[in-house]
Amino acid sequence: MDLVEGSFTTHLLGSRVTYTVTPLMFVSALLQYNSSANVVSTNVRLRWEYQPGSELFVVVNEQRDTTSPRLPSLTNRAIILKINRVFRF
C-alpha cells in the first residue's frame, strides 16, 4: 500500500470453521494471521440454546506474537461467558 508517509506490504490470512453439534448447539472458530503486526489471533465460540430464546455463550480469544524464535508466544487471552434468559409470563 502506498501512502504519503511511505509504503508497506502486509499479508492477511484467515479461516473460519463452524461445526453444528446439534440444532441447538454450535462451535465456531476463526484463525487470523497478520504479517504487519506479526500476530496470530484465534477466536473460538460455543453457543447453546438451552431453552427456546435462552442462550449460553462461551468465547475464548487469544493473540500470539510470531516473532518468537520458537513457538508463538502468548500476548493476550480472554475467556468470556454470557448467559441470556427469556422469562415468559
PDB file of N, CA and C in Angstrom:
ATOM      1  N   MET A   1       0.840  -1.154   0.000  1.00  0.00           N
ATOM      2  CA  MET A   1       0.000   0.000   0.000  1.00  0.00           C
ATOM      3  C   MET A   1       0.895   1.229   0.000  1.00  0.00           C
ATOM      4  N   ASP A   2       0.606   2.183  -0.865  1.00  0.00           N
ATOM      5  CA  ASP A   2       1.369   3.423  -0.951  1.00  0.00           C
ATOM      6  C   ASP A   2       0.619   4.544  -0.243  1.00  0.00           C
ATOM      7  N   LEU A   3       1.279   5.157   0.728  1.00  0.00           N
ATOM      8  CA  LEU A   3       0.728   6.281   1.470  1.00  0.00           C
ATOM      9  C   LEU A   3       1.705   7.441   1.411  1.00  0.00           C
ATOM     10  N   VAL A   4       1.264   8.622   1.840  1.00  0.00           N
ATOM     11  CA  VAL A   4       2.133   9.798   1.863  1.00  0.00           C
ATOM     12  C   VAL A   4       3.331   9.543   2.776  1.00  0.00           C
ATOM     13  N   GLU A   5       3.092   8.873   3.897  1.00  0.00           N
ATOM     14  CA  GLU A   5       4.157   8.597   4.859  1.00  0.00           C
ATOM     15  C   GLU A   5       5.122   7.519   4.373  1.00  0.00           C
ATOM     16  N   GLY A   6       4.746   6.753   3.373  1.00  0.00           N
ATOM     17  CA  GLY A   6       5.570   5.667   2.867  1.00  0.00           C
ATOM     18  C   GLY A   6       4.697   4.507   2.434  1.00  0.00           C
ATOM     19  N   SER A   7       5.326   3.452   2.004  1.00  0.00           N
ATOM     20  CA  SER A   7       4.554   2.294   1.551  1.00  0.00           C
ATOM     21  C   SER A   7       4.904   1.083   2.413  1.00  0.00           C
ATOM     22  N   PHE A   8       3.997   0.119   2.419  1.00  0.00           N
ATOM     23  CA  PHE A   8       4.237  -1.112   3.156  1.00  0.00           C
ATOM     24  C   PHE A   8       3.447  -2.231   2.501  1.00  0.00           C
ATOM     25  N   THR A   9       3.860  -3.434   2.796  1.00  0.00           N
ATOM     26  CA  THR A   9       3.168  -4.624   2.320  1.00  0.00           C
ATOM     27  C   THR A   9       2.768  -5.448   3.537  1.00  0.00           C
ATOM     28  N   THR A  10       1.545  -5.913   3.521  1.00  0.00           N
ATOM     29  CA  THR A  10       1.078  -6.772   4.606  1.00  0.00           C
ATOM     30  C   THR A  10       0.341  -7.963   4.020  1.00  0.00           C
ATOM     31  N   HIS A  11       0.400  -9.059   4.718  1.00  0.00           N
ATOM     32  CA  HIS A  11      -0.316 -10.261   4.306  1.00  0.00           C
ATOM     33  C   HIS A  11      -1.298 -10.621   5.416  1.00  0.00           C
ATOM     34  N   LEU A  12      -2.555 -10.766   5.044  1.00  0.00           N
ATOM     35  CA  LEU A  12      -3.602 -11.166   5.975  1.00  0.00           C
ATOM     36  C   LEU A  12      -4.142 -12.511   5.526  1.00  0.00           C
ATOM     37  N   LEU A  13      -4.229 -13.426   6.435  1.00  0.00           N
ATOM     38  CA  LEU A  13      -4.730 -14.757   6.131  1.00  0.00           C
ATOM     39  C   LEU A  13      -5.733 -15.124   7.208  1.00  0.00           C
ATOM     40  N   GLY A  14      -6.872 -15.646   6.797  1.00  0.00           N
ATOM     41  CA  GLY A  14      -7.896 -16.003   7.773  1.00  0.00           C
ATOM     42  C   GLY A  14      -8.676 -17.222   7.339  1.00  0.00           C
ATOM     43  N   SER A  15      -9.196 -17.926   8.323  1.00  0.00           N
ATOM     44  CA  SER A  15     -10.020 -19.091   8.053  1.00  0.00           C
ATOM     45  C   SER A  15     -11.078 -19.196   9.141  1.00  0.00           C
ATOM     46  N   ARG A  16     -12.297 -19.552   8.736  1.00  0.00           N
ATOM     47  CA  ARG A  16     -13.408 -19.701   9.680  1.00  0.00           C
ATOM     48  C   ARG A  16     -14.022 -21.083   9.489  1.00  0.00           C
ATOM     49  N   VAL A  17     -14.338 -21.726  10.609  1.00  0.00           N
ATOM     50  CA  VAL A  17     -14.965 -23.044  10.607  1.00  0.00           C
ATOM     51  C   VAL A  17     -16.133 -23.010  11.589  1.00  0.00           C
ATOM     52  N   THR A  18     -17.256 -23.593  11.185  1.00  0.00           N
ATOM     53  CA  THR A  18     -18.408 -23.733  12.073  1.00  0.00           C
ATOM     54  C   THR A  18     -18.840 -25.190  12.065  1.00  0.00           C
ATOM     55  N   TYR A  19     -19.054 -25.732  13.254  1.00  0.00           N
ATOM     56  CA  TYR A  19     -19.497 -27.112  13.388  1.00  0.00           C
ATOM     57  C   TYR A  19     -20.781 -27.114  14.209  1.00  0.00           C
ATOM     58  N   THR A  20     -21.847 -27.662  13.640  1.00  0.00           N
ATOM     59  CA  THR A  20     -23.121 -27.758  14.331  1.00  0.00           C
ATOM     60  C   THR A  20     -23.177 -29.092  15.065  1.00  0.00           C
ATOM     61  N   VAL A  21     -23.154 -29.030  16.388  1.00  0.00           N
ATOM     62  CA  VAL A  21     -23.176 -30.230  17.214  1.00  0.00           C
ATOM     63  C   VAL A  21     -24.583 -30.816  17.231  1.00  0.00           C
ATOM     64  N   THR A  22     -25.555 -29.966  17.516  1.00  0.00           N
ATOM     65  CA  THR A  22     -26.976 -30.308  17.477  1.00  0.00           C
ATOM     66  C   THR A  22     -27.693 -29.096  16.895  1.00  0.00           C
ATOM     67  N   PRO A  23     -28.983 -29.186  16.591  1.00  0.00           N
ATOM     68  CA  PRO A  23     -29.685 -27.990  16.110  1.00  0.00           C
ATOM     69  C   PRO A  23     -29.678 -26.833  17.115  1.00  0.00           C
ATOM     70  N   LEU A  24     -29.374 -27.110  18.374  1.00  0.00           N
ATOM     71  CA  LEU A  24     -29.372 -26.064  19.400  1.00  0.00           C
ATOM     72  C   LEU A  24     -27.972 -25.679  19.876  1.00  0.00           C
ATOM     73  N   MET A  25     -26.926 -26.290  19.308  1.00  0.00           N
ATOM     74  CA  MET A  25     -25.563 -26.007  19.755  1.00  0.00           C
ATOM     75  C   MET A  25     -24.602 -26.004  18.572  1.00  0.00           C
ATOM     76  N   PHE A  26     -23.727 -24.985  18.545  1.00  0.00           N
ATOM     77  CA  PHE A  26     -22.670 -24.993  17.541  1.00  0.00           C
ATOM     78  C   PHE A  26     -21.385 -24.419  18.122  1.00  0.00           C
ATOM     79  N   VAL A  27     -20.287 -24.768  17.474  1.00  0.00           N
ATOM     80  CA  VAL A  27     -18.963 -24.254  17.808  1.00  0.00           C
ATOM     81  C   VAL A  27     -18.410 -23.613  16.549  1.00  0.00           C
ATOM     82  N   SER A  28     -17.881 -22.400  16.676  1.00  0.00           N
ATOM     83  CA  SER A  28     -17.255 -21.749  15.531  1.00  0.00           C
ATOM     84  C   SER A  28     -15.858 -21.287  15.935  1.00  0.00           C
ATOM     85  N   ALA A  29     -14.962 -21.268  14.966  1.00  0.00           N
ATOM     86  CA  ALA A  29     -13.584 -20.855  15.222  1.00  0.00           C
ATOM     87  C   ALA A  29     -13.107 -19.970  14.079  1.00  0.00           C
ATOM     88  N   LEU A  30     -12.337 -18.953  14.438  1.00  0.00           N
ATOM     89  CA  LEU A  30     -11.734 -18.043  13.471  1.00  0.00           C
ATOM     90  C   LEU A  30     -10.248 -17.963  13.778  1.00  0.00           C
ATOM     91  N   LEU A  31      -9.424 -18.157  12.766  1.00  0.00           N
ATOM     92  CA  LEU A  31      -7.973 -18.059  12.894  1.00  0.00           C
ATOM     93  C   LEU A  31      -7.498 -17.011  11.905  1.00  0.00           C
ATOM     94  N   GLN A  32      -6.692 -16.034  12.375  1.00  0.00           N
ATOM     95  CA  GLN A  32      -6.191 -14.972  11.506  1.00  0.00           C
ATOM     96  C   GLN A  32      -4.702 -14.768  11.739  1.00  0.00           C
ATOM     97  N   TYR A  33      -3.988 -14.461  10.647  1.00  0.00           N
ATOM     98  CA  TYR A  33      -2.570 -14.112  10.720  1.00  0.00           C
ATOM     99  C   TYR A  33      -2.379 -12.760  10.062  1.00  0.00           C
ATOM    100  N   ASN A  34      -1.637 -11.867  10.720  1.00  0.00           N
ATOM    101  CA  ASN A  34      -1.336 -10.539  10.199  1.00  0.00           C
ATOM    102  C   ASN A  34       0.179 -10.391  10.176  1.00  0.00           C
ATOM    103  N   SER A  35       0.754 -10.293   8.967  1.00  0.00           N
ATOM    104  CA  SER A  35       2.209 -10.222   8.850  1.00  0.00           C
ATOM    105  C   SER A  35       2.762  -8.875   9.300  1.00  0.00           C
ATOM    106  N   SER A  36       1.988  -7.801   9.207  1.00  0.00           N
ATOM    107  CA  SER A  36       2.472  -6.486   9.649  1.00  0.00           C
ATOM    108  C   SER A  36       2.621  -6.430  11.163  1.00  0.00           C
ATOM    109  N   ALA A  37       1.665  -6.992  11.867  1.00  0.00           N
ATOM    110  CA  ALA A  37       1.703  -6.982  13.332  1.00  0.00           C
ATOM    111  C   ALA A  37       2.415  -8.209  13.895  1.00  0.00           C
ATOM    112  N   ASN A  38       2.744  -9.171  13.041  1.00  0.00           N
ATOM    113  CA  ASN A  38       3.356 -10.434  13.476  1.00  0.00           C
ATOM    114  C   ASN A  38       2.520 -11.098  14.565  1.00  0.00           C
ATOM    115  N   VAL A  39       1.230 -11.232  14.276  1.00  0.00           N
ATOM    116  CA  VAL A  39       0.283 -11.743  15.259  1.00  0.00           C
ATOM    117  C   VAL A  39      -0.582 -12.829  14.643  1.00  0.00           C
ATOM    118  N   VAL A  40      -0.806 -13.891  15.425  1.00  0.00           N
ATOM    119  CA  VAL A  40      -1.807 -14.903  15.101  1.00  0.00           C
ATOM    120  C   VAL A  40      -2.921 -14.746  16.130  1.00  0.00           C
ATOM    121  N   SER A  41      -4.154 -14.584  15.656  1.00  0.00           N
ATOM    122  CA  SER A  41      -5.307 -14.404  16.540  1.00  0.00           C
ATOM    123  C   SER A  41      -6.273 -15.559  16.353  1.00  0.00           C
ATOM    124  N   THR A  42      -6.826 -16.043  17.456  1.00  0.00           N
ATOM    125  CA  THR A  42      -7.847 -17.086  17.390  1.00  0.00           C
ATOM    126  C   THR A  42      -9.064 -16.650  18.200  1.00  0.00           C
ATOM    127  N   ASN A  43     -10.210 -17.072  17.732  1.00  0.00           N
ATOM    128  CA  ASN A  43     -11.477 -16.814  18.403  1.00  0.00           C
ATOM    129  C   ASN A  43     -12.292 -18.093  18.287  1.00  0.00           C
ATOM    130  N   VAL A  44     -12.657 -18.678  19.421  1.00  0.00           N
ATOM    131  CA  VAL A  44     -13.473 -19.893  19.444  1.00  0.00           C
ATOM    132  C   VAL A  44     -14.724 -19.575  20.256  1.00  0.00           C
ATOM    133  N   ARG A  45     -15.885 -19.922  19.695  1.00  0.00           N
ATOM    134  CA  ARG A  45     -17.159 -19.586  20.345  1.00  0.00           C
ATOM    135  C   ARG A  45     -18.069 -20.804  20.376  1.00  0.00           C
ATOM    136  N   LEU A  46     -18.633 -21.069  21.544  1.00  0.00           N
ATOM    137  CA  LEU A  46     -19.643 -22.108  21.726  1.00  0.00           C
ATOM    138  C   LEU A  46     -20.963 -21.413  22.003  1.00  0.00           C
ATOM    139  N   ARG A  47     -22.003 -21.778  21.275  1.00  0.00           N
ATOM    140  CA  ARG A  47     -23.352 -21.246  21.501  1.00  0.00           C
ATOM    141  C   ARG A  47     -24.279 -22.417  21.749  1.00  0.00           C
ATOM    142  N   TRP A  48     -25.050 -22.332  22.841  1.00  0.00           N
ATOM    143  CA  TRP A  48     -26.006 -23.384  23.193  1.00  0.00           C
ATOM    144  C   TRP A  48     -27.318 -22.727  23.578  1.00  0.00           C
ATOM    145  N   GLU A  49     -28.383 -23.080  22.880  1.00  0.00           N
ATOM    146  CA  GLU A  49     -29.722 -22.604  23.225  1.00  0.00           C
ATOM    147  C   GLU A  49     -30.329 -23.647  24.156  1.00  0.00           C
ATOM    148  N   TYR A  50     -30.231 -23.401  25.468  1.00  0.00           N
ATOM    149  CA  TYR A  50     -30.648 -24.400  26.452  1.00  0.00           C
ATOM    150  C   TYR A  50     -32.149 -24.411  26.692  1.00  0.00           C
ATOM    151  N   GLN A  51     -32.840 -23.327  26.352  1.00  0.00           N
ATOM    152  CA  GLN A  51     -34.298 -23.250  26.325  1.00  0.00           C
ATOM    153  C   GLN A  51     -34.655 -22.340  25.165  1.00  0.00           C
ATOM    154  N   PRO A  52     -35.843 -22.440  24.607  1.00  0.00           N
ATOM    155  CA  PRO A  52     -36.203 -21.553  23.495  1.00  0.00           C
ATOM    156  C   PRO A  52     -36.011 -20.078  23.866  1.00  0.00           C
ATOM    157  N   GLY A  53     -35.161 -19.392  23.126  1.00  0.00           N
ATOM    158  CA  GLY A  53     -34.874 -17.979  23.357  1.00  0.00           C
ATOM    159  C   GLY A  53     -33.817 -17.703  24.411  1.00  0.00           C
ATOM    160  N   SER A  54     -33.331 -18.718  25.116  1.00  0.00           N
ATOM    161  CA  SER A  54     -32.313 -18.557  26.160  1.00  0.00           C
ATOM    162  C   SER A  54     -31.026 -19.228  25.695  1.00  0.00           C
ATOM    163  N   GLU A  55     -29.901 -18.511  25.823  1.00  0.00           N
ATOM    164  CA  GLU A  55     -28.641 -18.999  25.257  1.00  0.00           C
ATOM    165  C   GLU A  55     -27.490 -18.861  26.245  1.00  0.00           C
ATOM    166  N   LEU A  56     -26.519 -19.725  26.041  1.00  0.00           N
ATOM    167  CA  LEU A  56     -25.253 -19.669  26.760  1.00  0.00           C
ATOM    168  C   LEU A  56     -24.150 -19.553  25.718  1.00  0.00           C
ATOM    169  N   PHE A  57     -23.247 -18.588  25.914  1.00  0.00           N
ATOM    170  CA  PHE A  57     -22.096 -18.415  25.033  1.00  0.00           C
ATOM    171  C   PHE A  57     -20.825 -18.546  25.866  1.00  0.00           C
ATOM    172  N   VAL A  58     -19.859 -19.281  25.343  1.00  0.00           N
ATOM    173  CA  VAL A  58     -18.518 -19.328  25.911  1.00  0.00           C
ATOM    174  C   VAL A  58     -17.574 -18.956  24.772  1.00  0.00           C
ATOM    175  N   VAL A  59     -16.773 -17.905  24.991  1.00  0.00           N
ATOM    176  CA  VAL A  59     -15.884 -17.392  23.948  1.00  0.00           C
ATOM    177  C   VAL A  59     -14.460 -17.366  24.495  1.00  0.00           C
ATOM    178  N   VAL A  60     -13.523 -17.839  23.691  1.00  0.00           N
ATOM    179  CA  VAL A  60     -12.104 -17.775  24.036  1.00  0.00           C
ATOM    180  C   VAL A  60     -11.396 -17.032  22.913  1.00  0.00           C
ATOM    181  N   ASN A  61     -10.739 -15.920  23.267  1.00  0.00           N
ATOM    182  CA  ASN A  61      -9.936 -15.140  22.325  1.00  0.00           C
ATOM    183  C   ASN A  61      -8.477 -15.237  22.741  1.00  0.00           C
ATOM    184  N   GLU A  62      -7.601 -15.319  21.754  1.00  0.00           N
ATOM    185  CA  GLU A  62      -6.185 -15.441  22.059  1.00  0.00           C
ATOM    186  C   GLU A  62      -5.374 -14.759  20.966  1.00  0.00           C
ATOM    187  N   GLN A  63      -4.281 -14.084  21.369  1.00  0.00           N
ATOM    188  CA  GLN A  63      -3.331 -13.496  20.428  1.00  0.00           C
ATOM    189  C   GLN A  63      -1.940 -14.005  20.764  1.00  0.00           C
ATOM    190  N   ARG A  64      -1.192 -14.311  19.716  1.00  0.00           N
ATOM    191  CA  ARG A  64       0.179 -14.789  19.895  1.00  0.00           C
ATOM    192  C   ARG A  64       1.117 -14.017  18.979  1.00  0.00           C
ATOM    193  N   ASP A  65       2.291 -13.706  19.512  1.00  0.00           N
ATOM    194  CA  ASP A  65       3.330 -12.989  18.773  1.00  0.00           C
ATOM    195  C   ASP A  65       4.169 -14.007  18.009  1.00  0.00           C
ATOM    196  N   THR A  66       4.286 -13.823  16.697  1.00  0.00           N
ATOM    197  CA  THR A  66       5.008 -14.789  15.865  1.00  0.00           C
ATOM    198  C   THR A  66       6.493 -14.460  15.712  1.00  0.00           C
ATOM    199  N   THR A  67       6.983 -13.401  16.366  1.00  0.00           N
ATOM    200  CA  THR A  67       8.406 -13.068  16.244  1.00  0.00           C
ATOM    201  C   THR A  67       9.278 -13.912  17.167  1.00  0.00           C
ATOM    202  N   SER A  68       8.667 -14.684  18.042  1.00  0.00           N
ATOM    203  CA  SER A  68       9.415 -15.558  18.942  1.00  0.00           C
ATOM    204  C   SER A  68      10.183 -16.594  18.121  1.00  0.00           C
ATOM    205  N   PRO A  69      11.433 -16.891  18.477  1.00  0.00           N
ATOM    206  CA  PRO A  69      12.216 -17.847  17.685  1.00  0.00           C
ATOM    207  C   PRO A  69      11.684 -19.280  17.749  1.00  0.00           C
ATOM    208  N   ARG A  70      10.956 -19.611  18.792  1.00  0.00           N
ATOM    209  CA  ARG A  70      10.404 -20.961  18.902  1.00  0.00           C
ATOM    210  C   ARG A  70       8.925 -20.921  18.556  1.00  0.00           C
ATOM    211  N   LEU A  71       8.078 -21.304  19.478  1.00  0.00           N
ATOM    212  CA  LEU A  71       6.634 -21.256  19.255  1.00  0.00           C
ATOM    213  C   LEU A  71       6.128 -19.836  19.456  1.00  0.00           C
ATOM    214  N   PRO A  72       5.032 -19.463  18.798  1.00  0.00           N
ATOM    215  CA  PRO A  72       4.475 -18.119  19.025  1.00  0.00           C
ATOM    216  C   PRO A  72       4.129 -17.921  20.503  1.00  0.00           C
ATOM    217  N   SER A  73       4.578 -16.789  21.059  1.00  0.00           N
ATOM    218  CA  SER A  73       4.361 -16.535  22.488  1.00  0.00           C
ATOM    219  C   SER A  73       3.014 -15.861  22.718  1.00  0.00           C
ATOM    220  N   LEU A  74       2.372 -16.235  23.798  1.00  0.00           N
ATOM    221  CA  LEU A  74       1.062 -15.707  24.152  1.00  0.00           C
ATOM    222  C   LEU A  74       1.190 -14.251  24.589  1.00  0.00           C
ATOM    223  N   THR A  75       0.388 -13.359  23.981  1.00  0.00           N
ATOM    224  CA  THR A  75       0.383 -11.950  24.374  1.00  0.00           C
ATOM    225  C   THR A  75      -0.934 -11.534  25.011  1.00  0.00           C
ATOM    226  N   ASN A  76      -2.017 -12.240  24.716  1.00  0.00           N
ATOM    227  CA  ASN A  76      -3.317 -11.865  25.256  1.00  0.00           C
ATOM    228  C   ASN A  76      -4.246 -13.076  25.202  1.00  0.00           C
ATOM    229  N   ARG A  77      -5.033 -13.243  26.268  1.00  0.00           N
ATOM    230  CA  ARG A  77      -6.041 -14.303  26.278  1.00  0.00           C
ATOM    231  C   ARG A  77      -7.241 -13.803  27.082  1.00  0.00           C
ATOM    232  N   ALA A  78      -8.435 -14.077  26.569  1.00  0.00           N
ATOM    233  CA  ALA A  78      -9.665 -13.706  27.270  1.00  0.00           C
ATOM    234  C   ALA A  78     -10.649 -14.858  27.168  1.00  0.00           C
ATOM    235  N   ILE A  79     -11.312 -15.143  28.277  1.00  0.00           N
ATOM    236  CA  ILE A  79     -12.378 -16.143  28.310  1.00  0.00           C
ATOM    237  C   ILE A  79     -13.632 -15.422  28.783  1.00  0.00           C
ATOM    238  N   ILE A  80     -14.677 -15.484  27.980  1.00  0.00           N
ATOM    239  CA  ILE A  80     -15.892 -14.725  28.233  1.00  0.00           C
ATOM    240  C   ILE A  80     -17.067 -15.687  28.319  1.00  0.00           C
ATOM    241  N   LEU A  81     -17.913 -15.486  29.304  1.00  0.00           N
ATOM    242  CA  LEU A  81     -19.123 -16.279  29.488  1.00  0.00           C
ATOM    243  C   LEU A  81     -20.310 -15.327  29.449  1.00  0.00           C
ATOM    244  N   LYS A  82     -21.306 -15.671  28.641  1.00  0.00           N
ATOM    245  CA  LYS A  82     -22.509 -14.843  28.534  1.00  0.00           C
ATOM    246  C   LYS A  82     -23.721 -15.763  28.585  1.00  0.00           C
ATOM    247  N   ILE A  83     -24.673 -15.405  29.435  1.00  0.00           N
ATOM    248  CA  ILE A  83     -25.920 -16.163  29.547  1.00  0.00           C
ATOM    249  C   ILE A  83     -27.068 -15.176  29.388  1.00  0.00           C
ATOM    250  N   ASN A  84     -28.011 -15.511  28.526  1.00  0.00           N
ATOM    251  CA  ASN A  84     -29.242 -14.722  28.480  1.00  0.00           C
ATOM    252  C   ASN A  84     -30.414 -15.664  28.682  1.00  0.00           C
ATOM    253  N   ARG A  85     -31.415 -15.161  29.349  1.00  0.00           N
ATOM    254  CA  ARG A  85     -32.561 -15.987  29.733  1.00  0.00           C
ATOM    255  C   ARG A  85     -33.835 -15.235  29.407  1.00  0.00           C
ATOM    256  N   VAL A  86     -34.766 -15.922  28.778  1.00  0.00           N
ATOM    257  CA  VAL A  86     -36.070 -15.353  28.462  1.00  0.00           C
ATOM    258  C   VAL A  86     -37.049 -15.792  29.544  1.00  0.00           C
ATOM    259  N   PHE A  87     -37.724 -14.830  30.125  1.00  0.00           N
ATOM    260  CA  PHE A  87     -38.767 -15.113  31.110  1.00  0.00           C
ATOM    261  C   PHE A  87     -40.112 -14.889  30.440  1.00  0.00           C
ATOM    262  N   ARG A  88     -40.906 -15.915  30.377  1.00  0.00           N
ATOM    263  CA  ARG A  88     -42.231 -15.817  29.765  1.00  0.00           C
ATOM    264  C   ARG A  88     -43.284 -15.800  30.872  1.00  0.00           C
ATOM    265  N   PHE A  89     -44.198 -14.845  30.778  1.00  0.00           N
ATOM    266  CA  PHE A  89     -45.260 -14.712  31.787  1.00  0.00           C
ATOM    267  C   PHE A  89     -46.573 -15.144  31.206  1.00  0.00           C
TER     268      PHE A  89
END
